[in-house]
PDB file of all heavy atoms in Angstrom:
ATOM      1  N   SER A   1     132.758   8.656   9.377  1.00  0.00           N
ATOM      2  CA  SER A   1     132.224   9.973   9.112  1.00  0.00           C
ATOM      3  C   SER A   1     132.503  11.024  10.284  1.00  0.00           C
ATOM      4  O   SER A   1     132.747  12.159   9.956  1.00  0.00           O
ATOM      5  CB  SER A   1     130.702   9.896   8.822  1.00  0.00           C
ATOM      6  OG  SER A   1     130.513   9.313   7.610  1.00  0.00           O
ATOM      7  N   LEU A   2     132.358  10.506  11.436  1.00  0.00           N
ATOM      8  CA  LEU A   2     132.572  11.309  12.629  1.00  0.00           C
ATOM      9  C   LEU A   2     134.048  11.854  12.602  1.00  0.00           C
ATOM     10  O   LEU A   2     134.278  13.043  12.867  1.00  0.00           O
ATOM     11  CB  LEU A   2     132.358  10.655  13.950  1.00  0.00           C
ATOM     12  CG  LEU A   2     130.915  10.323  14.308  1.00  0.00           C
ATOM     13  CD1 LEU A   2     130.917   9.326  15.470  1.00  0.00           C
ATOM     14  CD2 LEU A   2     130.133  11.619  14.614  1.00  0.00           C
ATOM     15  N   LYS A   3     134.973  11.042  12.222  1.00  0.00           N
ATOM     16  CA  LYS A   3     136.363  11.366  12.128  1.00  0.00           C
ATOM     17  C   LYS A   3     136.581  12.318  11.010  1.00  0.00           C
ATOM     18  O   LYS A   3     137.317  13.367  11.146  1.00  0.00           O
ATOM     19  CB  LYS A   3     137.321  10.186  11.962  1.00  0.00           C
ATOM     20  CG  LYS A   3     137.315   9.182  13.133  1.00  0.00           C
ATOM     21  CD  LYS A   3     138.081   7.895  12.853  1.00  0.00           C
ATOM     22  CE  LYS A   3     138.050   6.993  14.055  1.00  0.00           C
ATOM     23  NZ  LYS A   3     138.759   5.696  13.785  1.00  0.00           N
ATOM     24  N   THR A   4     135.911  12.147   9.847  1.00  0.00           N
ATOM     25  CA  THR A   4     136.022  13.065   8.748  1.00  0.00           C
ATOM     26  C   THR A   4     135.513  14.531   9.116  1.00  0.00           C
ATOM     27  O   THR A   4     136.151  15.413   8.719  1.00  0.00           O
ATOM     28  CB  THR A   4     135.324  12.584   7.566  1.00  0.00           C
ATOM     29  OG1 THR A   4     135.765  11.260   7.116  1.00  0.00           O
ATOM     30  CG2 THR A   4     135.345  13.495   6.319  1.00  0.00           C
ATOM     31  N   LEU A   5     134.493  14.535   9.861  1.00  0.00           N
ATOM     32  CA  LEU A   5     133.865  15.814  10.235  1.00  0.00           C
ATOM     33  C   LEU A   5     134.735  16.529  11.326  1.00  0.00           C
ATOM     34  O   LEU A   5     134.591  17.696  11.538  1.00  0.00           O
ATOM     35  CB  LEU A   5     132.456  15.583  10.827  1.00  0.00           C
ATOM     36  CG  LEU A   5     131.394  15.134   9.768  1.00  0.00           C
ATOM     37  CD1 LEU A   5     130.074  14.807  10.523  1.00  0.00           C
ATOM     38  CD2 LEU A   5     131.119  16.210   8.790  1.00  0.00           C
ATOM     39  N   GLY A   6     135.551  15.770  12.036  1.00  0.00           N
ATOM     40  CA  GLY A   6     136.360  16.313  13.156  1.00  0.00           C
ATOM     41  C   GLY A   6     135.543  16.285  14.394  1.00  0.00           C
ATOM     42  O   GLY A   6     135.924  17.020  15.422  1.00  0.00           O
ATOM     43  N   ARG A   7     134.558  15.408  14.515  1.00  0.00           N
ATOM     44  CA  ARG A   7     133.776  15.297  15.697  1.00  0.00           C
ATOM     45  C   ARG A   7     134.580  14.487  16.785  1.00  0.00           C
ATOM     46  O   ARG A   7     135.090  13.327  16.376  1.00  0.00           O
ATOM     47  CB  ARG A   7     132.488  14.633  15.500  1.00  0.00           C
ATOM     48  CG  ARG A   7     131.580  15.302  14.513  1.00  0.00           C
ATOM     49  CD  ARG A   7     130.949  16.620  15.011  1.00  0.00           C
ATOM     50  NE  ARG A   7     130.127  16.472  16.213  1.00  0.00           N
ATOM     51  CZ  ARG A   7     129.450  17.436  16.792  1.00  0.00           C
ATOM     52  NH1 ARG A   7     129.553  18.696  16.368  1.00  0.00           N
ATOM     53  NH2 ARG A   7     128.669  17.199  17.721  1.00  0.00           N
ATOM     54  N   PRO A   8     134.730  14.873  17.944  1.00  0.00           N
ATOM     55  CA  PRO A   8     135.580  14.184  18.933  1.00  0.00           C
ATOM     56  C   PRO A   8     134.861  13.041  19.736  1.00  0.00           C
ATOM     57  O   PRO A   8     135.419  12.478  20.609  1.00  0.00           O
ATOM     58  CB  PRO A   8     135.976  15.322  19.971  1.00  0.00           C
ATOM     59  CG  PRO A   8     134.833  16.252  19.892  1.00  0.00           C
ATOM     60  CD  PRO A   8     134.300  16.145  18.496  1.00  0.00           C
ATOM     61  N   HIS A   9     133.584  12.713  19.343  1.00  0.00           N
ATOM     62  CA  HIS A   9     132.859  11.764  20.036  1.00  0.00           C
ATOM     63  C   HIS A   9     132.761  10.458  19.245  1.00  0.00           C
ATOM     64  O   HIS A   9     133.088  10.382  17.922  1.00  0.00           O
ATOM     65  CB  HIS A   9     131.503  12.184  20.466  1.00  0.00           C
ATOM     66  CG  HIS A   9     130.523  12.408  19.396  1.00  0.00           C
ATOM     67  ND1 HIS A   9     130.380  13.563  18.695  1.00  0.00           N
ATOM     68  CD2 HIS A   9     129.615  11.514  18.811  1.00  0.00           C
ATOM     69  CE1 HIS A   9     129.500  13.478  17.752  1.00  0.00           C
ATOM     70  NE2 HIS A   9     128.919  12.306  17.810  1.00  0.00           N
ATOM     71  N   THR A  10     132.240   9.333  19.835  1.00  0.00           N
ATOM     72  CA  THR A  10     131.930   8.170  19.207  1.00  0.00           C
ATOM     73  C   THR A  10     130.503   7.810  19.154  1.00  0.00           C
ATOM     74  O   THR A  10     129.754   8.396  19.843  1.00  0.00           O
ATOM     75  CB  THR A  10     132.802   6.957  19.863  1.00  0.00           C
ATOM     76  OG1 THR A  10     132.216   6.752  21.154  1.00  0.00           O
ATOM     77  CG2 THR A  10     134.248   7.229  19.960  1.00  0.00           C
ATOM     78  N   THR A  11     130.172   6.751  18.320  1.00  0.00           N
ATOM     79  CA  THR A  11     128.734   6.416  18.331  1.00  0.00           C
ATOM     80  C   THR A  11     128.305   5.806  19.745  1.00  0.00           C
ATOM     81  O   THR A  11     127.164   6.168  20.177  1.00  0.00           O
ATOM     82  CB  THR A  11     128.516   5.288  17.306  1.00  0.00           C
ATOM     83  OG1 THR A  11     128.931   5.871  16.025  1.00  0.00           O
ATOM     84  CG2 THR A  11     127.082   4.790  17.218  1.00  0.00           C
ATOM     85  N   THR A  12     129.157   5.141  20.431  1.00  0.00           N
ATOM     86  CA  THR A  12     128.828   4.643  21.714  1.00  0.00           C
ATOM     87  C   THR A  12     128.581   5.784  22.722  1.00  0.00           C
ATOM     88  O   THR A  12     127.653   5.738  23.492  1.00  0.00           O
ATOM     89  CB  THR A  12     130.015   3.811  22.255  1.00  0.00           C
ATOM     90  OG1 THR A  12     130.123   2.664  21.420  1.00  0.00           O
ATOM     91  CG2 THR A  12     129.747   3.315  23.645  1.00  0.00           C
ATOM     92  N   GLN A  13     129.355   6.858  22.536  1.00  0.00           N
ATOM     93  CA  GLN A  13     129.104   8.064  23.432  1.00  0.00           C
ATOM     94  C   GLN A  13     127.772   8.718  23.123  1.00  0.00           C
ATOM     95  O   GLN A  13     127.110   9.237  23.964  1.00  0.00           O
ATOM     96  CB  GLN A  13     130.344   8.987  23.275  1.00  0.00           C
ATOM     97  CG  GLN A  13     131.559   8.531  23.978  1.00  0.00           C
ATOM     98  CD  GLN A  13     132.703   9.526  23.728  1.00  0.00           C
ATOM     99  OE1 GLN A  13     132.955   9.881  22.572  1.00  0.00           O
ATOM    100  NE2 GLN A  13     133.442   9.858  24.731  1.00  0.00           N
ATOM    101  N   SER A  14     127.371   8.737  21.850  1.00  0.00           N
ATOM    102  CA  SER A  14     126.096   9.256  21.425  1.00  0.00           C
ATOM    103  C   SER A  14     124.955   8.445  22.130  1.00  0.00           C
ATOM    104  O   SER A  14     124.075   9.062  22.688  1.00  0.00           O
ATOM    105  CB  SER A  14     125.996   9.176  20.017  1.00  0.00           C
ATOM    106  OG  SER A  14     126.811  10.114  19.309  1.00  0.00           O
ATOM    107  N   ARG A  15     125.047   7.123  22.001  1.00  0.00           N
ATOM    108  CA  ARG A  15     124.006   6.362  22.546  1.00  0.00           C
ATOM    109  C   ARG A  15     124.017   6.435  24.127  1.00  0.00           C
ATOM    110  O   ARG A  15     122.911   6.533  24.745  1.00  0.00           O
ATOM    111  CB  ARG A  15     124.291   4.831  22.179  1.00  0.00           C
ATOM    112  CG  ARG A  15     123.209   3.888  22.536  1.00  0.00           C
ATOM    113  CD  ARG A  15     123.474   2.463  22.073  1.00  0.00           C
ATOM    114  NE  ARG A  15     123.582   2.454  20.636  1.00  0.00           N
ATOM    115  CZ  ARG A  15     122.549   2.323  19.769  1.00  0.00           C
ATOM    116  NH1 ARG A  15     121.302   2.392  20.257  1.00  0.00           N
ATOM    117  NH2 ARG A  15     122.813   2.185  18.489  1.00  0.00           N
ATOM    118  N   ASN A  16     125.120   6.556  24.758  1.00  0.00           N
ATOM    119  CA  ASN A  16     125.178   6.706  26.184  1.00  0.00           C
ATOM    120  C   ASN A  16     124.610   8.075  26.635  1.00  0.00           C
ATOM    121  O   ASN A  16     124.064   8.131  27.714  1.00  0.00           O
ATOM    122  CB  ASN A  16     126.634   6.491  26.728  1.00  0.00           C
ATOM    123  CG  ASN A  16     127.051   5.023  26.636  1.00  0.00           C
ATOM    124  OD1 ASN A  16     126.225   4.109  26.626  1.00  0.00           O
ATOM    125  ND2 ASN A  16     128.354   4.771  26.629  1.00  0.00           N
ATOM    126  N   ALA A  17     124.836   9.060  25.749  1.00  0.00           N
ATOM    127  CA  ALA A  17     124.429  10.406  26.101  1.00  0.00           C
ATOM    128  C   ALA A  17     122.846  10.391  26.287  1.00  0.00           C
ATOM    129  O   ALA A  17     122.337  10.955  27.191  1.00  0.00           O
ATOM    130  CB  ALA A  17     124.784  11.395  25.010  1.00  0.00           C
ATOM    131  N   PHE A  18     122.123   9.744  25.350  1.00  0.00           N
ATOM    132  CA  PHE A  18     120.745   9.639  25.411  1.00  0.00           C
ATOM    133  C   PHE A  18     120.323   8.800  26.711  1.00  0.00           C
ATOM    134  O   PHE A  18     119.321   9.212  27.461  1.00  0.00           O
ATOM    135  CB  PHE A  18     120.139   8.950  24.197  1.00  0.00           C
ATOM    136  CG  PHE A  18     119.916   9.887  23.043  1.00  0.00           C
ATOM    137  CD1 PHE A  18     120.905   9.991  22.060  1.00  0.00           C
ATOM    138  CD2 PHE A  18     118.792  10.566  22.867  1.00  0.00           C
ATOM    139  CE1 PHE A  18     120.769  10.767  20.944  1.00  0.00           C
ATOM    140  CE2 PHE A  18     118.550  11.340  21.778  1.00  0.00           C
ATOM    141  CZ  PHE A  18     119.621  11.526  20.810  1.00  0.00           C
ATOM    142  N   ARG A  19     120.994   7.778  26.934  1.00  0.00           N
ATOM    143  CA  ARG A  19     120.551   6.950  28.118  1.00  0.00           C
ATOM    144  C   ARG A  19     120.787   7.706  29.400  1.00  0.00           C
ATOM    145  O   ARG A  19     119.893   7.634  30.299  1.00  0.00           O
ATOM    146  CB  ARG A  19     121.391   5.599  27.994  1.00  0.00           C
ATOM    147  CG  ARG A  19     120.996   4.778  26.805  1.00  0.00           C
ATOM    148  CD  ARG A  19     121.780   3.421  26.790  1.00  0.00           C
ATOM    149  NE  ARG A  19     121.317   2.698  25.554  1.00  0.00           N
ATOM    150  CZ  ARG A  19     121.835   1.573  25.231  1.00  0.00           C
ATOM    151  NH1 ARG A  19     122.829   0.938  26.014  1.00  0.00           N
ATOM    152  NH2 ARG A  19     121.456   0.854  24.149  1.00  0.00           N
ATOM    153  N   MET A  20     121.999   8.339  29.552  1.00  0.00           N
ATOM    154  CA  MET A  20     122.172   9.083  30.746  1.00  0.00           C
ATOM    155  C   MET A  20     121.248  10.292  30.890  1.00  0.00           C
ATOM    156  O   MET A  20     120.794  10.567  31.984  1.00  0.00           O
ATOM    157  CB  MET A  20     123.664   9.683  30.768  1.00  0.00           C
ATOM    158  CG  MET A  20     124.704   8.567  30.847  1.00  0.00           C
ATOM    159  SD  MET A  20     126.356   9.251  31.101  1.00  0.00           S
ATOM    160  CE  MET A  20     126.622  10.096  29.492  1.00  0.00           C
ATOM    161  N   ALA A  21     120.869  10.898  29.762  1.00  0.00           N
ATOM    162  CA  ALA A  21     119.976  12.037  29.861  1.00  0.00           C
ATOM    163  C   ALA A  21     118.545  11.605  30.366  1.00  0.00           C
ATOM    164  O   ALA A  21     117.948  12.208  31.165  1.00  0.00           O
ATOM    165  CB  ALA A  21     119.786  12.674  28.512  1.00  0.00           C
ATOM    166  N   HIS A  22     118.069  10.516  29.877  1.00  0.00           N
ATOM    167  CA  HIS A  22     116.761   9.943  30.347  1.00  0.00           C
ATOM    168  C   HIS A  22     116.847   9.652  31.821  1.00  0.00           C
ATOM    169  O   HIS A  22     115.978   9.878  32.598  1.00  0.00           O
ATOM    170  CB  HIS A  22     116.421   8.644  29.573  1.00  0.00           C
ATOM    171  CG  HIS A  22     115.919   8.929  28.175  1.00  0.00           C
ATOM    172  ND1 HIS A  22     114.764   9.728  27.928  1.00  0.00           N
ATOM    173  CD2 HIS A  22     116.450   8.627  26.971  1.00  0.00           C
ATOM    174  CE1 HIS A  22     114.520   9.805  26.617  1.00  0.00           C
ATOM    175  NE2 HIS A  22     115.497   9.145  26.006  1.00  0.00           N
ATOM    176  N   GLN A  23     118.022   8.994  32.205  1.00  0.00           N
ATOM    177  CA  GLN A  23     118.202   8.664  33.642  1.00  0.00           C
ATOM    178  C   GLN A  23     118.296   9.926  34.483  1.00  0.00           C
ATOM    179  O   GLN A  23     117.789   9.920  35.587  1.00  0.00           O
ATOM    180  CB  GLN A  23     119.553   7.841  33.764  1.00  0.00           C
ATOM    181  CG  GLN A  23     119.754   7.245  35.117  1.00  0.00           C
ATOM    182  CD  GLN A  23     120.954   6.309  35.180  1.00  0.00           C
ATOM    183  OE1 GLN A  23     121.523   6.019  34.160  1.00  0.00           O
ATOM    184  NE2 GLN A  23     121.334   5.920  36.449  1.00  0.00           N
ATOM    185  N   ALA A  24     118.740  10.964  33.923  1.00  0.00           N
ATOM    186  CA  ALA A  24     118.846  12.303  34.661  1.00  0.00           C
ATOM    187  C   ALA A  24     117.509  12.932  34.789  1.00  0.00           C
ATOM    188  O   ALA A  24     117.428  14.073  35.466  1.00  0.00           O
ATOM    189  CB  ALA A  24     119.938  13.168  34.075  1.00  0.00           C
ATOM    190  N   GLY A  25     116.521  12.497  34.088  1.00  0.00           N
ATOM    191  CA  GLY A  25     115.220  13.133  34.093  1.00  0.00           C
ATOM    192  C   GLY A  25     114.765  13.989  32.952  1.00  0.00           C
ATOM    193  O   GLY A  25     113.739  14.639  32.919  1.00  0.00           O
ATOM    194  N   PHE A  26     115.585  13.866  31.817  1.00  0.00           N
ATOM    195  CA  PHE A  26     115.143  14.612  30.669  1.00  0.00           C
ATOM    196  C   PHE A  26     114.257  13.742  29.804  1.00  0.00           C
ATOM    197  O   PHE A  26     114.510  12.585  29.505  1.00  0.00           O
ATOM    198  CB  PHE A  26     116.375  14.980  29.768  1.00  0.00           C
ATOM    199  CG  PHE A  26     117.271  16.057  30.325  1.00  0.00           C
ATOM    200  CD1 PHE A  26     118.293  15.761  31.113  1.00  0.00           C
ATOM    201  CD2 PHE A  26     116.998  17.369  29.991  1.00  0.00           C
ATOM    202  CE1 PHE A  26     119.137  16.846  31.645  1.00  0.00           C
ATOM    203  CE2 PHE A  26     117.745  18.401  30.505  1.00  0.00           C
ATOM    204  CZ  PHE A  26     118.775  18.088  31.365  1.00  0.00           C
ATOM    205  N   ASP A  27     113.036  14.296  29.392  1.00  0.00           N
ATOM    206  CA  ASP A  27     112.131  13.480  28.575  1.00  0.00           C
ATOM    207  C   ASP A  27     111.804  14.236  27.321  1.00  0.00           C
ATOM    208  O   ASP A  27     110.970  13.791  26.475  1.00  0.00           O
ATOM    209  CB  ASP A  27     110.841  13.248  29.293  1.00  0.00           C
ATOM    210  CG  ASP A  27     110.078  14.501  29.686  1.00  0.00           C
ATOM    211  OD1 ASP A  27     110.593  15.641  29.292  1.00  0.00           O
ATOM    212  OD2 ASP A  27     109.077  14.448  30.358  1.00  0.00           O
ATOM    213  N   ASN A  28     112.619  15.266  27.000  1.00  0.00           N
ATOM    214  CA  ASN A  28     112.450  16.016  25.764  1.00  0.00           C
ATOM    215  C   ASN A  28     113.817  16.224  25.203  1.00  0.00           C
ATOM    216  O   ASN A  28     114.558  17.113  25.584  1.00  0.00           O
ATOM    217  CB  ASN A  28     111.771  17.423  25.974  1.00  0.00           C
ATOM    218  CG  ASN A  28     111.397  18.108  24.742  1.00  0.00           C
ATOM    219  OD1 ASN A  28     111.575  17.540  23.708  1.00  0.00           O
ATOM    220  ND2 ASN A  28     110.801  19.201  24.833  1.00  0.00           N
ATOM    221  N   ILE A  29     114.269  15.331  24.242  1.00  0.00           N
ATOM    222  CA  ILE A  29     115.619  15.318  23.771  1.00  0.00           C
ATOM    223  C   ILE A  29     115.646  15.328  22.302  1.00  0.00           C
ATOM    224  O   ILE A  29     114.986  14.480  21.651  1.00  0.00           O
ATOM    225  CB  ILE A  29     116.427  13.988  24.278  1.00  0.00           C
ATOM    226  CG1 ILE A  29     116.283  13.843  25.839  1.00  0.00           C
ATOM    227  CG2 ILE A  29     117.836  14.043  23.912  1.00  0.00           C
ATOM    228  CD1 ILE A  29     116.787  12.566  26.388  1.00  0.00           C
ATOM    229  N   SER A  30     116.374  16.206  21.740  1.00  0.00           N
ATOM    230  CA  SER A  30     116.510  16.431  20.275  1.00  0.00           C
ATOM    231  C   SER A  30     117.865  15.819  19.955  1.00  0.00           C
ATOM    232  O   SER A  30     118.875  15.836  20.748  1.00  0.00           O
ATOM    233  CB  SER A  30     116.496  17.784  19.910  1.00  0.00           C
ATOM    234  OG  SER A  30     116.619  17.909  18.458  1.00  0.00           O
ATOM    235  N   GLY A  31     117.985  15.319  18.650  1.00  0.00           N
ATOM    236  CA  GLY A  31     119.290  14.901  18.149  1.00  0.00           C
ATOM    237  C   GLY A  31     119.465  15.478  16.740  1.00  0.00           C
ATOM    238  O   GLY A  31     118.549  15.763  15.965  1.00  0.00           O
ATOM    239  N   ASP A  32     120.769  15.794  16.397  1.00  0.00           N
ATOM    240  CA  ASP A  32     121.098  16.243  15.072  1.00  0.00           C
ATOM    241  C   ASP A  32     121.525  15.086  14.149  1.00  0.00           C
ATOM    242  O   ASP A  32     122.349  14.303  14.566  1.00  0.00           O
ATOM    243  CB  ASP A  32     122.297  17.254  15.150  1.00  0.00           C
ATOM    244  CG  ASP A  32     121.842  18.571  15.855  1.00  0.00           C
ATOM    245  OD1 ASP A  32     120.704  18.822  15.977  1.00  0.00           O
ATOM    246  OD2 ASP A  32     122.822  19.345  16.229  1.00  0.00           O
ATOM    247  N   ILE A  33     121.050  15.121  12.887  1.00  0.00           N
ATOM    248  CA  ILE A  33     121.592  14.237  11.802  1.00  0.00           C
ATOM    249  C   ILE A  33     122.049  15.039  10.687  1.00  0.00           C
ATOM    250  O   ILE A  33     121.215  15.881  10.136  1.00  0.00           O
ATOM    251  CB  ILE A  33     120.490  13.292  11.379  1.00  0.00           C
ATOM    252  CG1 ILE A  33     119.966  12.365  12.466  1.00  0.00           C
ATOM    253  CG2 ILE A  33     120.991  12.393  10.235  1.00  0.00           C
ATOM    254  CD1 ILE A  33     118.832  11.455  12.009  1.00  0.00           C
ATOM    255  N   MET A  34     123.290  14.941  10.225  1.00  0.00           N
ATOM    256  CA  MET A  34     123.848  15.604   9.083  1.00  0.00           C
ATOM    257  C   MET A  34     123.768  14.728   7.881  1.00  0.00           C
ATOM    258  O   MET A  34     124.198  13.566   7.971  1.00  0.00           O
ATOM    259  CB  MET A  34     125.203  16.061   9.424  1.00  0.00           C
ATOM    260  CG  MET A  34     125.823  17.054   8.342  1.00  0.00           C
ATOM    261  SD  MET A  34     127.436  17.742   8.864  1.00  0.00           S
ATOM    262  CE  MET A  34     126.943  18.899  10.074  1.00  0.00           C
ATOM    263  N   LEU A  35     123.231  15.228   6.869  1.00  0.00           N
ATOM    264  CA  LEU A  35     123.035  14.471   5.520  1.00  0.00           C
ATOM    265  C   LEU A  35     124.142  14.778   4.559  1.00  0.00           C
ATOM    266  O   LEU A  35     124.780  15.845   4.548  1.00  0.00           O
ATOM    267  CB  LEU A  35     121.652  14.807   4.987  1.00  0.00           C
ATOM    268  CG  LEU A  35     120.462  14.660   5.888  1.00  0.00           C
ATOM    269  CD1 LEU A  35     119.217  15.153   5.248  1.00  0.00           C
ATOM    270  CD2 LEU A  35     120.209  13.181   6.306  1.00  0.00           C
TER     271      LEU A  35
END
């Protein structure tokens, strides 16, 4: 689905983005889900 949408990231990159954000000190993180 990511490829169909033309999104240049992977699921692993999404997961890592959250983990790095928490590590960087962010505790208020939103995520988008397209239906």
